[in-house]
Amino acid sequence: MRGISAKTYPLPAFAGAGGLLGALAAAGIGGPLPMTTSAALAGAMSAIAVEDYRRFRVPDSWNLFAAAAGLFSVWLAGSSVGSDPFAALAWAVRDGALCGGALLFVREAFLRLRAVDGLGLGDVKLAATGGIWLGWQGFPNAIMLAAASALVYVALCRSLGGGWPRERKIPFALHLAPAIWLVWYFGQLSPFRFGPAGAMPF
């Protein structure tokens, strides 16, 4: 009997499952708006994580969807609180550029120092999307959570598989994508919220 693995099902199935879990998790935050927002982010991050696990790539389509959903959430937030939604969008774009630029700097610096691609451009684009959702204040929390998760992943693989060759790659988006949703979600539960998308009046 064939075993079940992440490679068995198409990405929309994982996106749907992630979106459903995200909506259910946000049910206690408020009404339909937070549930829809959480579902959109969780679904996109689920698809990204699975595809990075499968093929070491971040699909542009799902990343673009998540970025667009984040900007739309920022617009709704700015409109609902009576502030300038265009200013909120400008802040979100700024935060996305800062976070994506930070990972691009790390990527280029590592490439020049070690002559190895330590981060893919897909990770950089995902960081920009994370900046839209979390702001530059909250995104470092996602990076720390993703790094800790990646270290646990490597440790488990070493203990179960007998080692970790130097040339073996780590699917970083597998850890960063869920971390973005988790930081966003718990930010909604906290009175201290991060960036424009994290400041929605739920």
N, C-alpha and C. Protein backbone atom coordinates (compact mmCIF):
# COMPACT_ATOMS: atom_id res chain seq x y z
N MET A 1 0.85 -1.20 0.00
CA MET A 1 0.00 0.00 0.00
C MET A 1 0.88 1.24 0.00
N ARG A 2 0.57 2.17 -0.87
CA ARG A 2 1.40 3.34 -1.00
C ARG A 2 1.25 4.26 0.20
N GLY A 3 2.38 4.74 0.71
CA GLY A 3 2.35 5.63 1.85
C GLY A 3 1.88 7.03 1.46
N ILE A 4 1.41 7.76 2.42
CA ILE A 4 0.93 9.12 2.21
C ILE A 4 2.08 10.07 2.52
N SER A 5 2.38 10.99 1.60
CA SER A 5 3.43 11.97 1.81
C SER A 5 2.97 13.31 1.29
N ALA A 6 3.79 14.35 1.55
CA ALA A 6 3.45 15.68 1.09
C ALA A 6 3.47 15.78 -0.42
N LYS A 7 4.13 14.84 -1.09
CA LYS A 7 4.22 14.88 -2.55
C LYS A 7 3.02 14.25 -3.23
N THR A 8 2.10 13.70 -2.44
CA THR A 8 0.96 12.99 -3.01
C THR A 8 -0.14 13.93 -3.47
N TYR A 9 -0.31 15.08 -2.81
CA TYR A 9 -1.46 15.94 -3.05
C TYR A 9 -1.02 17.26 -3.69
N PRO A 10 -1.92 17.89 -4.47
CA PRO A 10 -1.60 19.19 -5.08
C PRO A 10 -1.59 20.30 -4.04
N LEU A 11 -0.92 21.39 -4.36
CA LEU A 11 -0.80 22.49 -3.41
C LEU A 11 -2.14 23.07 -2.96
N PRO A 12 -3.14 23.21 -3.85
CA PRO A 12 -4.41 23.76 -3.36
C PRO A 12 -5.02 22.96 -2.22
N ALA A 13 -4.76 21.67 -2.16
CA ALA A 13 -5.29 20.87 -1.05
C ALA A 13 -4.66 21.30 0.27
N PHE A 14 -3.36 21.54 0.25
CA PHE A 14 -2.69 22.00 1.47
C PHE A 14 -3.10 23.42 1.82
N ALA A 15 -3.26 24.25 0.78
CA ALA A 15 -3.70 25.62 1.03
C ALA A 15 -5.09 25.63 1.64
N GLY A 16 -5.98 24.77 1.13
CA GLY A 16 -7.32 24.68 1.68
C GLY A 16 -7.33 24.21 3.12
N ALA A 17 -6.51 23.20 3.40
CA ALA A 17 -6.44 22.69 4.78
C ALA A 17 -5.85 23.74 5.71
N GLY A 18 -4.79 24.40 5.26
CA GLY A 18 -4.20 25.45 6.08
C GLY A 18 -5.16 26.61 6.29
N GLY A 19 -5.89 26.98 5.23
CA GLY A 19 -6.85 28.06 5.36
C GLY A 19 -7.96 27.72 6.33
N LEU A 20 -8.45 26.49 6.29
CA LEU A 20 -9.50 26.07 7.21
C LEU A 20 -9.00 26.12 8.66
N LEU A 21 -7.80 25.62 8.89
CA LEU A 21 -7.24 25.66 10.24
C LEU A 21 -7.03 27.10 10.69
N GLY A 22 -6.57 27.95 9.75
CA GLY A 22 -6.36 29.35 10.10
C GLY A 22 -7.66 30.04 10.46
N ALA A 23 -8.72 29.74 9.71
CA ALA A 23 -10.03 30.33 10.01
C ALA A 23 -10.55 29.86 11.36
N LEU A 24 -10.40 28.57 11.63
CA LEU A 24 -10.87 28.04 12.91
C LEU A 24 -10.08 28.63 14.07
N ALA A 25 -8.79 28.80 13.87
CA ALA A 25 -7.96 29.37 14.93
C ALA A 25 -8.36 30.80 15.24
N ALA A 26 -8.77 31.54 14.19
CA ALA A 26 -9.14 32.95 14.37
C ALA A 26 -10.58 33.14 14.79
N ALA A 27 -11.33 32.05 14.93
CA ALA A 27 -12.75 32.19 15.28
C ALA A 27 -12.95 32.89 16.61
N GLY A 28 -12.01 32.71 17.51
CA GLY A 28 -12.14 33.35 18.82
C GLY A 28 -11.69 34.79 18.86
N ILE A 29 -11.07 35.27 17.77
CA ILE A 29 -10.58 36.64 17.75
C ILE A 29 -11.71 37.62 17.47
N GLY A 30 -12.60 37.24 16.56
CA GLY A 30 -13.66 38.16 16.20
C GLY A 30 -14.61 37.53 15.21
N GLY A 31 -15.11 38.33 14.29
CA GLY A 31 -16.10 37.88 13.34
C GLY A 31 -15.51 37.37 12.04
N PRO A 32 -16.26 37.49 10.95
CA PRO A 32 -15.83 36.93 9.66
C PRO A 32 -14.55 37.53 9.12
N LEU A 33 -14.29 38.83 9.37
CA LEU A 33 -13.11 39.46 8.82
C LEU A 33 -11.80 38.84 9.32
N PRO A 34 -11.60 38.68 10.64
CA PRO A 34 -10.36 38.04 11.08
C PRO A 34 -10.25 36.59 10.64
N MET A 35 -11.38 35.90 10.56
CA MET A 35 -11.34 34.52 10.11
C MET A 35 -10.91 34.44 8.64
N THR A 36 -11.44 35.35 7.82
CA THR A 36 -11.07 35.37 6.40
C THR A 36 -9.61 35.75 6.23
N THR A 37 -9.19 36.76 6.98
CA THR A 37 -7.80 37.20 6.90
C THR A 37 -6.85 36.08 7.31
N SER A 38 -7.16 35.43 8.42
CA SER A 38 -6.33 34.34 8.91
C SER A 38 -6.30 33.18 7.93
N ALA A 39 -7.45 32.89 7.34
CA ALA A 39 -7.52 31.79 6.38
C ALA A 39 -6.66 32.07 5.16
N ALA A 40 -6.71 33.31 4.66
CA ALA A 40 -5.92 33.67 3.48
C ALA A 40 -4.44 33.53 3.76
N LEU A 41 -3.99 34.06 4.90
CA LEU A 41 -2.57 33.99 5.22
C LEU A 41 -2.14 32.56 5.50
N ALA A 42 -2.92 31.84 6.30
CA ALA A 42 -2.56 30.46 6.65
C ALA A 42 -2.55 29.56 5.42
N GLY A 43 -3.52 29.75 4.53
CA GLY A 43 -3.57 28.93 3.33
C GLY A 43 -2.37 29.16 2.43
N ALA A 44 -2.02 30.43 2.21
CA ALA A 44 -0.87 30.74 1.36
C ALA A 44 0.42 30.24 2.00
N MET A 45 0.57 30.44 3.31
CA MET A 45 1.80 29.99 3.96
C MET A 45 1.92 28.47 3.97
N SER A 46 0.80 27.78 4.05
CA SER A 46 0.82 26.31 3.99
C SER A 46 1.31 25.84 2.63
N ALA A 47 0.78 26.44 1.56
CA ALA A 47 1.19 26.05 0.22
C ALA A 47 2.68 26.35 0.00
N ILE A 48 3.14 27.48 0.48
CA ILE A 48 4.55 27.85 0.33
C ILE A 48 5.45 26.88 1.08
N ALA A 49 5.07 26.55 2.32
CA ALA A 49 5.88 25.64 3.12
C ALA A 49 5.98 24.26 2.47
N VAL A 50 4.87 23.75 1.97
CA VAL A 50 4.86 22.43 1.35
C VAL A 50 5.71 22.42 0.08
N GLU A 51 5.57 23.45 -0.73
CA GLU A 51 6.33 23.49 -1.98
C GLU A 51 7.83 23.63 -1.72
N ASP A 52 8.20 24.38 -0.69
CA ASP A 52 9.62 24.49 -0.35
C ASP A 52 10.15 23.15 0.14
N TYR A 53 9.34 22.43 0.88
CA TYR A 53 9.73 21.10 1.34
C TYR A 53 9.89 20.14 0.16
N ARG A 54 9.00 20.27 -0.81
CA ARG A 54 9.05 19.37 -1.96
C ARG A 54 10.22 19.68 -2.90
N ARG A 55 10.35 20.97 -3.26
CA ARG A 55 11.23 21.32 -4.38
C ARG A 55 12.21 22.45 -4.07
N PHE A 56 12.30 22.87 -2.82
CA PHE A 56 13.21 23.96 -2.45
C PHE A 56 12.92 25.22 -3.28
N ARG A 57 11.67 25.56 -3.37
CA ARG A 57 11.32 26.81 -4.06
C ARG A 57 10.06 27.40 -3.43
N VAL A 58 9.98 28.73 -3.50
CA VAL A 58 8.81 29.45 -3.01
C VAL A 58 8.00 29.87 -4.23
N PRO A 59 6.81 29.32 -4.41
CA PRO A 59 6.02 29.67 -5.60
C PRO A 59 5.60 31.13 -5.60
N ASP A 60 5.95 31.83 -6.68
CA ASP A 60 5.63 33.26 -6.78
C ASP A 60 4.13 33.51 -6.69
N SER A 61 3.33 32.61 -7.25
CA SER A 61 1.89 32.84 -7.27
C SER A 61 1.32 32.91 -5.86
N TRP A 62 1.71 31.98 -5.00
CA TRP A 62 1.19 31.98 -3.63
C TRP A 62 1.77 33.13 -2.82
N ASN A 63 3.03 33.47 -3.06
CA ASN A 63 3.64 34.59 -2.36
C ASN A 63 2.98 35.91 -2.77
N LEU A 64 2.68 36.04 -4.06
CA LEU A 64 2.02 37.25 -4.54
C LEU A 64 0.61 37.34 -3.97
N PHE A 65 -0.08 36.21 -3.90
CA PHE A 65 -1.42 36.20 -3.30
C PHE A 65 -1.36 36.67 -1.85
N ALA A 66 -0.39 36.15 -1.09
CA ALA A 66 -0.27 36.53 0.32
C ALA A 66 0.06 38.01 0.45
N ALA A 67 0.94 38.52 -0.41
CA ALA A 67 1.29 39.94 -0.35
C ALA A 67 0.07 40.81 -0.68
N ALA A 68 -0.68 40.42 -1.71
CA ALA A 68 -1.87 41.19 -2.08
C ALA A 68 -2.91 41.15 -0.97
N ALA A 69 -3.09 39.97 -0.35
CA ALA A 69 -4.03 39.86 0.77
C ALA A 69 -3.60 40.74 1.93
N GLY A 70 -2.29 40.80 2.18
CA GLY A 70 -1.79 41.66 3.25
C GLY A 70 -2.05 43.13 2.97
N LEU A 71 -1.81 43.55 1.75
CA LEU A 71 -2.07 44.95 1.40
C LEU A 71 -3.56 45.28 1.49
N PHE A 72 -4.41 44.33 1.06
CA PHE A 72 -5.85 44.54 1.16
C PHE A 72 -6.27 44.65 2.63
N SER A 73 -5.67 43.83 3.49
CA SER A 73 -5.97 43.90 4.92
C SER A 73 -5.55 45.25 5.50
N VAL A 74 -4.40 45.73 5.04
CA VAL A 74 -3.92 47.04 5.49
C VAL A 74 -4.92 48.14 5.07
N TRP A 75 -5.40 48.05 3.85
CA TRP A 75 -6.37 49.02 3.36
C TRP A 75 -7.64 48.99 4.21
N LEU A 76 -8.15 47.79 4.48
CA LEU A 76 -9.36 47.68 5.29
C LEU A 76 -9.12 48.23 6.69
N ALA A 77 -7.94 47.95 7.25
CA ALA A 77 -7.64 48.44 8.59
C ALA A 77 -7.61 49.95 8.62
N GLY A 78 -6.93 50.54 7.64
CA GLY A 78 -6.86 51.99 7.61
C GLY A 78 -8.21 52.64 7.41
N SER A 79 -9.05 52.02 6.60
CA SER A 79 -10.38 52.58 6.34
C SER A 79 -11.30 52.44 7.55
N SER A 80 -11.20 51.31 8.25
CA SER A 80 -12.13 51.04 9.35
C SER A 80 -11.86 51.89 10.57
N VAL A 81 -10.62 52.32 10.76
CA VAL A 81 -10.32 53.14 11.94
C VAL A 81 -10.35 54.62 11.62
N GLY A 82 -10.71 54.95 10.39
CA GLY A 82 -10.84 56.35 10.03
C GLY A 82 -9.54 57.05 9.71
N SER A 83 -8.45 56.29 9.58
CA SER A 83 -7.17 56.89 9.22
C SER A 83 -7.02 56.87 7.70
N ASP A 84 -5.89 57.33 7.23
CA ASP A 84 -5.64 57.40 5.80
C ASP A 84 -5.19 56.03 5.29
N PRO A 85 -6.01 55.33 4.51
CA PRO A 85 -5.60 54.00 4.03
C PRO A 85 -4.41 54.06 3.09
N PHE A 86 -4.24 55.18 2.39
CA PHE A 86 -3.08 55.30 1.50
C PHE A 86 -1.78 55.39 2.29
N ALA A 87 -1.84 56.08 3.42
CA ALA A 87 -0.66 56.14 4.29
C ALA A 87 -0.35 54.76 4.87
N ALA A 88 -1.40 54.03 5.25
CA ALA A 88 -1.20 52.68 5.77
C ALA A 88 -0.57 51.78 4.72
N LEU A 89 -1.02 51.90 3.48
CA LEU A 89 -0.43 51.11 2.40
C LEU A 89 1.03 51.48 2.19
N ALA A 90 1.33 52.77 2.28
CA ALA A 90 2.72 53.22 2.12
C ALA A 90 3.61 52.63 3.21
N TRP A 91 3.11 52.59 4.44
CA TRP A 91 3.88 52.00 5.53
C TRP A 91 4.10 50.50 5.30
N ALA A 92 3.06 49.84 4.82
CA ALA A 92 3.17 48.40 4.58
C ALA A 92 4.19 48.10 3.49
N VAL A 93 4.14 48.90 2.41
CA VAL A 93 5.12 48.72 1.33
C VAL A 93 6.53 49.00 1.84
N ARG A 94 6.66 50.04 2.66
CA ARG A 94 7.97 50.34 3.25
C ARG A 94 8.48 49.17 4.09
N ASP A 95 7.61 48.62 4.93
CA ASP A 95 8.02 47.51 5.78
C ASP A 95 8.38 46.28 4.96
N GLY A 96 7.60 46.02 3.90
CA GLY A 96 7.93 44.90 3.03
C GLY A 96 9.29 45.08 2.38
N ALA A 97 9.57 46.31 1.93
CA ALA A 97 10.86 46.59 1.30
C ALA A 97 12.00 46.45 2.31
N LEU A 98 11.78 46.90 3.53
CA LEU A 98 12.83 46.80 4.56
C LEU A 98 13.14 45.35 4.89
N CYS A 99 12.10 44.55 5.09
CA CYS A 99 12.31 43.15 5.48
C CYS A 99 12.88 42.33 4.33
N GLY A 100 12.35 42.53 3.13
CA GLY A 100 12.91 41.85 1.98
C GLY A 100 14.33 42.30 1.70
N GLY A 101 14.58 43.60 1.85
CA GLY A 101 15.93 44.12 1.64
C GLY A 101 16.93 43.58 2.65
N ALA A 102 16.48 43.39 3.89
CA ALA A 102 17.37 42.86 4.91
C ALA A 102 17.83 41.44 4.55
N LEU A 103 16.88 40.60 4.12
CA LEU A 103 17.27 39.23 3.74
C LEU A 103 18.06 39.22 2.44
N LEU A 104 17.79 40.16 1.54
CA LEU A 104 18.58 40.25 0.32
C LEU A 104 20.03 40.62 0.65
N PHE A 105 20.21 41.51 1.62
CA PHE A 105 21.57 41.88 2.04
C PHE A 105 22.30 40.66 2.61
N VAL A 106 21.60 39.90 3.47
CA VAL A 106 22.20 38.70 4.04
C VAL A 106 22.56 37.71 2.94
N ARG A 107 21.67 37.54 1.98
CA ARG A 107 21.93 36.61 0.87
C ARG A 107 23.15 37.02 0.07
N GLU A 108 23.23 38.28 -0.30
CA GLU A 108 24.34 38.75 -1.12
C GLU A 108 25.66 38.72 -0.34
N ALA A 109 25.61 39.08 0.95
CA ALA A 109 26.83 39.06 1.75
C ALA A 109 27.36 37.64 1.90
N PHE A 110 26.47 36.69 2.16
CA PHE A 110 26.89 35.29 2.30
C PHE A 110 27.43 34.75 0.98
N LEU A 111 26.79 35.14 -0.13
CA LEU A 111 27.24 34.68 -1.44
C LEU A 111 28.64 35.18 -1.74
N ARG A 112 28.95 36.41 -1.37
CA ARG A 112 30.27 36.95 -1.65
C ARG A 112 31.32 36.41 -0.70
N LEU A 113 30.92 36.13 0.53
CA LEU A 113 31.89 35.60 1.50
C LEU A 113 32.18 34.12 1.29
N ARG A 114 31.14 33.34 0.97
CA ARG A 114 31.29 31.88 0.89
C ARG A 114 31.13 31.32 -0.52
N ALA A 115 30.74 32.17 -1.47
CA ALA A 115 30.51 31.74 -2.85
C ALA A 115 29.44 30.64 -2.92
N VAL A 116 28.45 30.73 -2.02
CA VAL A 116 27.36 29.77 -1.96
C VAL A 116 26.07 30.54 -1.75
N ASP A 117 25.00 30.10 -2.44
CA ASP A 117 23.69 30.70 -2.22
C ASP A 117 23.13 30.19 -0.90
N GLY A 118 23.23 30.99 0.14
CA GLY A 118 22.70 30.59 1.44
C GLY A 118 21.20 30.77 1.53
N LEU A 119 20.66 31.72 0.77
CA LEU A 119 19.22 31.98 0.74
C LEU A 119 18.80 32.12 -0.72
N GLY A 120 17.63 31.61 -1.02
CA GLY A 120 17.10 31.78 -2.36
C GLY A 120 16.35 33.09 -2.48
N LEU A 121 16.16 33.54 -3.70
CA LEU A 121 15.38 34.76 -3.91
C LEU A 121 13.93 34.58 -3.48
N GLY A 122 13.44 33.34 -3.51
CA GLY A 122 12.09 33.09 -3.01
C GLY A 122 11.97 33.42 -1.53
N ASP A 123 13.02 33.13 -0.76
CA ASP A 123 13.02 33.48 0.66
C ASP A 123 12.99 34.98 0.85
N VAL A 124 13.72 35.69 -0.02
CA VAL A 124 13.74 37.15 0.05
C VAL A 124 12.34 37.71 -0.24
N LYS A 125 11.68 37.18 -1.26
CA LYS A 125 10.32 37.64 -1.58
C LYS A 125 9.35 37.31 -0.45
N LEU A 126 9.53 36.15 0.16
CA LEU A 126 8.67 35.78 1.28
C LEU A 126 8.89 36.72 2.46
N ALA A 127 10.14 37.15 2.66
CA ALA A 127 10.42 38.11 3.72
C ALA A 127 9.71 39.43 3.47
N ALA A 128 9.67 39.85 2.21
CA ALA A 128 8.95 41.08 1.88
C ALA A 128 7.46 40.94 2.21
N THR A 129 6.89 39.79 1.89
CA THR A 129 5.49 39.54 2.23
C THR A 129 5.30 39.53 3.75
N GLY A 130 6.24 38.90 4.45
CA GLY A 130 6.17 38.90 5.91
C GLY A 130 6.22 40.31 6.48
N GLY A 131 7.01 41.19 5.86
CA GLY A 131 7.07 42.57 6.32
C GLY A 131 5.74 43.28 6.17
N ILE A 132 5.02 42.97 5.09
CA ILE A 132 3.69 43.58 4.89
C ILE A 132 2.74 43.17 6.02
N TRP A 133 2.78 41.90 6.38
CA TRP A 133 1.85 41.39 7.40
C TRP A 133 2.26 41.76 8.82
N LEU A 134 3.56 41.76 9.09
CA LEU A 134 4.03 41.91 10.47
C LEU A 134 4.65 43.26 10.76
N GLY A 135 4.99 44.00 9.71
CA GLY A 135 5.74 45.23 9.93
C GLY A 135 7.20 44.92 10.25
N TRP A 136 8.04 45.92 10.14
CA TRP A 136 9.46 45.67 10.42
C TRP A 136 9.67 45.35 11.90
N GLN A 137 8.72 45.76 12.76
CA GLN A 137 8.86 45.48 14.19
C GLN A 137 8.61 44.01 14.50
N GLY A 138 7.64 43.41 13.82
CA GLY A 138 7.27 42.03 14.14
C GLY A 138 8.01 40.98 13.35
N PHE A 139 8.55 41.36 12.19
CA PHE A 139 9.18 40.36 11.34
C PHE A 139 10.40 39.69 12.00
N PRO A 140 11.23 40.39 12.77
CA PRO A 140 12.34 39.69 13.44
C PRO A 140 11.88 38.52 14.32
N ASN A 141 10.68 38.63 14.89
CA ASN A 141 10.16 37.51 15.69
C ASN A 141 9.93 36.28 14.81
N ALA A 142 9.44 36.50 13.59
CA ALA A 142 9.25 35.39 12.67
C ALA A 142 10.58 34.77 12.26
N ILE A 143 11.59 35.61 12.05
CA ILE A 143 12.92 35.11 11.69
C ILE A 143 13.49 34.25 12.83
N MET A 144 13.37 34.74 14.05
CA MET A 144 13.89 33.97 15.19
C MET A 144 13.15 32.65 15.36
N LEU A 145 11.84 32.68 15.20
CA LEU A 145 11.06 31.45 15.32
C LEU A 145 11.42 30.48 14.21
N ALA A 146 11.58 30.98 12.98
CA ALA A 146 11.94 30.13 11.86
C ALA A 146 13.34 29.53 12.04
N ALA A 147 14.28 30.34 12.53
CA ALA A 147 15.63 29.84 12.76
C ALA A 147 15.65 28.75 13.81
N ALA A 148 14.89 28.96 14.90
CA ALA A 148 14.82 27.94 15.94
C ALA A 148 14.19 26.66 15.40
N SER A 149 13.14 26.80 14.61
CA SER A 149 12.48 25.64 14.02
C SER A 149 13.43 24.90 13.07
N ALA A 150 14.21 25.65 12.29
CA ALA A 150 15.15 25.02 11.37
C ALA A 150 16.23 24.25 12.12
N LEU A 151 16.68 24.80 13.24
CA LEU A 151 17.69 24.10 14.04
C LEU A 151 17.13 22.79 14.60
N VAL A 152 15.89 22.84 15.07
CA VAL A 152 15.26 21.61 15.56
C VAL A 152 15.10 20.60 14.43
N TYR A 153 14.74 21.09 13.24
CA TYR A 153 14.59 20.23 12.06
C TYR A 153 15.90 19.52 11.73
N VAL A 154 16.99 20.27 11.73
CA VAL A 154 18.30 19.67 11.44
C VAL A 154 18.68 18.65 12.51
N ALA A 155 18.43 19.02 13.78
CA ALA A 155 18.77 18.09 14.87
C ALA A 155 17.98 16.80 14.76
N LEU A 156 16.70 16.89 14.42
CA LEU A 156 15.88 15.69 14.28
C LEU A 156 16.34 14.84 13.09
N CYS A 157 16.65 15.52 11.98
CA CYS A 157 17.13 14.78 10.81
C CYS A 157 18.44 14.07 11.10
N ARG A 158 19.31 14.73 11.86
CA ARG A 158 20.59 14.10 12.21
C ARG A 158 20.39 12.90 13.12
N SER A 159 19.47 13.05 14.08
CA SER A 159 19.27 11.95 15.02
C SER A 159 18.57 10.77 14.36
N LEU A 160 17.68 11.06 13.41
CA LEU A 160 16.93 9.98 12.76
C LEU A 160 17.65 9.41 11.55
N GLY A 161 18.41 10.27 10.87
CA GLY A 161 19.06 9.82 9.63
C GLY A 161 20.54 9.59 9.73
N GLY A 162 21.12 9.84 10.87
CA GLY A 162 22.53 9.54 11.06
C GLY A 162 23.50 10.61 10.62
N GLY A 163 23.02 11.81 10.32
CA GLY A 163 23.95 12.87 9.95
C GLY A 163 23.30 13.94 9.11
N TRP A 164 24.06 14.99 8.86
CA TRP A 164 23.61 16.09 8.03
C TRP A 164 24.80 16.56 7.19
N PRO A 165 24.92 16.13 5.95
CA PRO A 165 26.05 16.51 5.10
C PRO A 165 26.11 18.03 4.92
N ARG A 166 27.33 18.55 4.78
CA ARG A 166 27.52 19.99 4.65
C ARG A 166 26.80 20.56 3.42
N GLU A 167 26.72 19.76 2.37
CA GLU A 167 26.12 20.25 1.14
C GLU A 167 24.59 20.17 1.15
N ARG A 168 24.03 19.55 2.16
CA ARG A 168 22.57 19.42 2.20
C ARG A 168 21.92 20.76 2.52
N LYS A 169 20.86 21.10 1.80
CA LYS A 169 20.17 22.37 1.96
C LYS A 169 19.05 22.28 2.99
N ILE A 170 18.76 23.42 3.59
CA ILE A 170 17.63 23.53 4.52
C ILE A 170 16.51 24.28 3.82
N PRO A 171 15.32 23.72 3.73
CA PRO A 171 14.20 24.46 3.14
C PRO A 171 13.69 25.53 4.12
N PHE A 172 14.29 26.72 4.04
CA PHE A 172 14.03 27.72 5.06
C PHE A 172 12.59 28.22 5.04
N ALA A 173 12.00 28.31 3.85
CA ALA A 173 10.60 28.77 3.79
C ALA A 173 9.66 27.78 4.46
N LEU A 174 10.06 26.52 4.56
CA LEU A 174 9.27 25.54 5.30
C LEU A 174 9.07 26.00 6.74
N HIS A 175 10.03 26.74 7.26
CA HIS A 175 9.97 27.23 8.64
C HIS A 175 9.50 28.68 8.72
N LEU A 176 9.92 29.49 7.75
CA LEU A 176 9.57 30.91 7.80
C LEU A 176 8.08 31.15 7.51
N ALA A 177 7.52 30.42 6.56
CA ALA A 177 6.12 30.65 6.20
C ALA A 177 5.17 30.41 7.39
N PRO A 178 5.25 29.26 8.07
CA PRO A 178 4.38 29.09 9.24
C PRO A 178 4.67 30.10 10.35
N ALA A 179 5.96 30.48 10.47
CA ALA A 179 6.33 31.44 11.51
C ALA A 179 5.65 32.79 11.27
N ILE A 180 5.52 33.19 10.02
CA ILE A 180 4.86 34.46 9.70
C ILE A 180 3.41 34.42 10.18
N TRP A 181 2.72 33.30 9.88
CA TRP A 181 1.33 33.22 10.33
C TRP A 181 1.24 33.19 11.85
N LEU A 182 2.10 32.42 12.49
CA LEU A 182 2.05 32.31 13.95
C LEU A 182 2.28 33.65 14.63
N VAL A 183 3.29 34.39 14.16
CA VAL A 183 3.56 35.70 14.76
C VAL A 183 2.39 36.65 14.52
N TRP A 184 1.83 36.60 13.30
CA TRP A 184 0.66 37.44 13.02
C TRP A 184 -0.51 37.06 13.94
N TYR A 185 -0.77 35.76 14.04
CA TYR A 185 -1.92 35.30 14.81
C TYR A 185 -1.80 35.68 16.28
N PHE A 186 -0.67 35.39 16.88
CA PHE A 186 -0.52 35.70 18.30
C PHE A 186 -0.43 37.21 18.52
N GLY A 187 -0.02 37.93 17.46
CA GLY A 187 -0.07 39.38 17.56
C GLY A 187 -1.49 39.91 17.68
N GLN A 188 -2.44 39.20 17.09
CA GLN A 188 -3.85 39.59 17.18
C GLN A 188 -4.40 39.35 18.59
N LEU A 189 -3.80 38.41 19.31
CA LEU A 189 -4.24 38.12 20.67
C LEU A 189 -3.63 39.05 21.70
N SER A 190 -2.59 39.76 21.27
CA SER A 190 -1.85 40.62 22.19
C SER A 190 -2.31 42.06 22.06
N PRO A 191 -2.28 42.82 23.16
CA PRO A 191 -2.60 44.25 23.04
C PRO A 191 -1.51 45.02 22.31
N PHE A 192 -0.31 44.41 22.17
CA PHE A 192 0.79 45.06 21.49
C PHE A 192 0.93 44.45 20.10
N ARG A 193 0.45 45.18 19.10
CA ARG A 193 0.46 44.66 17.75
C ARG A 193 1.57 45.34 16.96
N PHE A 194 1.96 44.69 15.88
CA PHE A 194 3.19 45.08 15.21
C PHE A 194 2.95 46.12 14.12
N GLY A 195 2.96 45.68 12.90
CA GLY A 195 2.90 46.58 11.76
C GLY A 195 1.49 46.88 11.31
N PRO A 196 1.36 47.52 10.13
CA PRO A 196 0.03 47.91 9.64
C PRO A 196 -0.95 46.76 9.54
N ALA A 197 -0.52 45.62 8.97
CA ALA A 197 -1.44 44.50 8.85
C ALA A 197 -1.73 43.87 10.19
N GLY A 198 -0.82 44.03 11.15
CA GLY A 198 -1.03 43.49 12.48
C GLY A 198 -1.83 44.40 13.38
N ALA A 199 -2.20 45.58 12.85
CA ALA A 199 -2.90 46.55 13.67
C ALA A 199 -4.38 46.63 13.35
N MET A 200 -4.89 45.60 12.74
CA MET A 200 -6.29 45.62 12.37
C MET A 200 -7.17 45.60 13.62
N PRO A 201 -8.22 46.40 13.63
CA PRO A 201 -9.04 46.53 14.85
C PRO A 201 -9.99 45.37 15.03
N PHE A 202 -9.43 44.17 15.33
CA PHE A 202 -10.26 43.00 15.56
C PHE A 202 -10.74 42.99 17.00
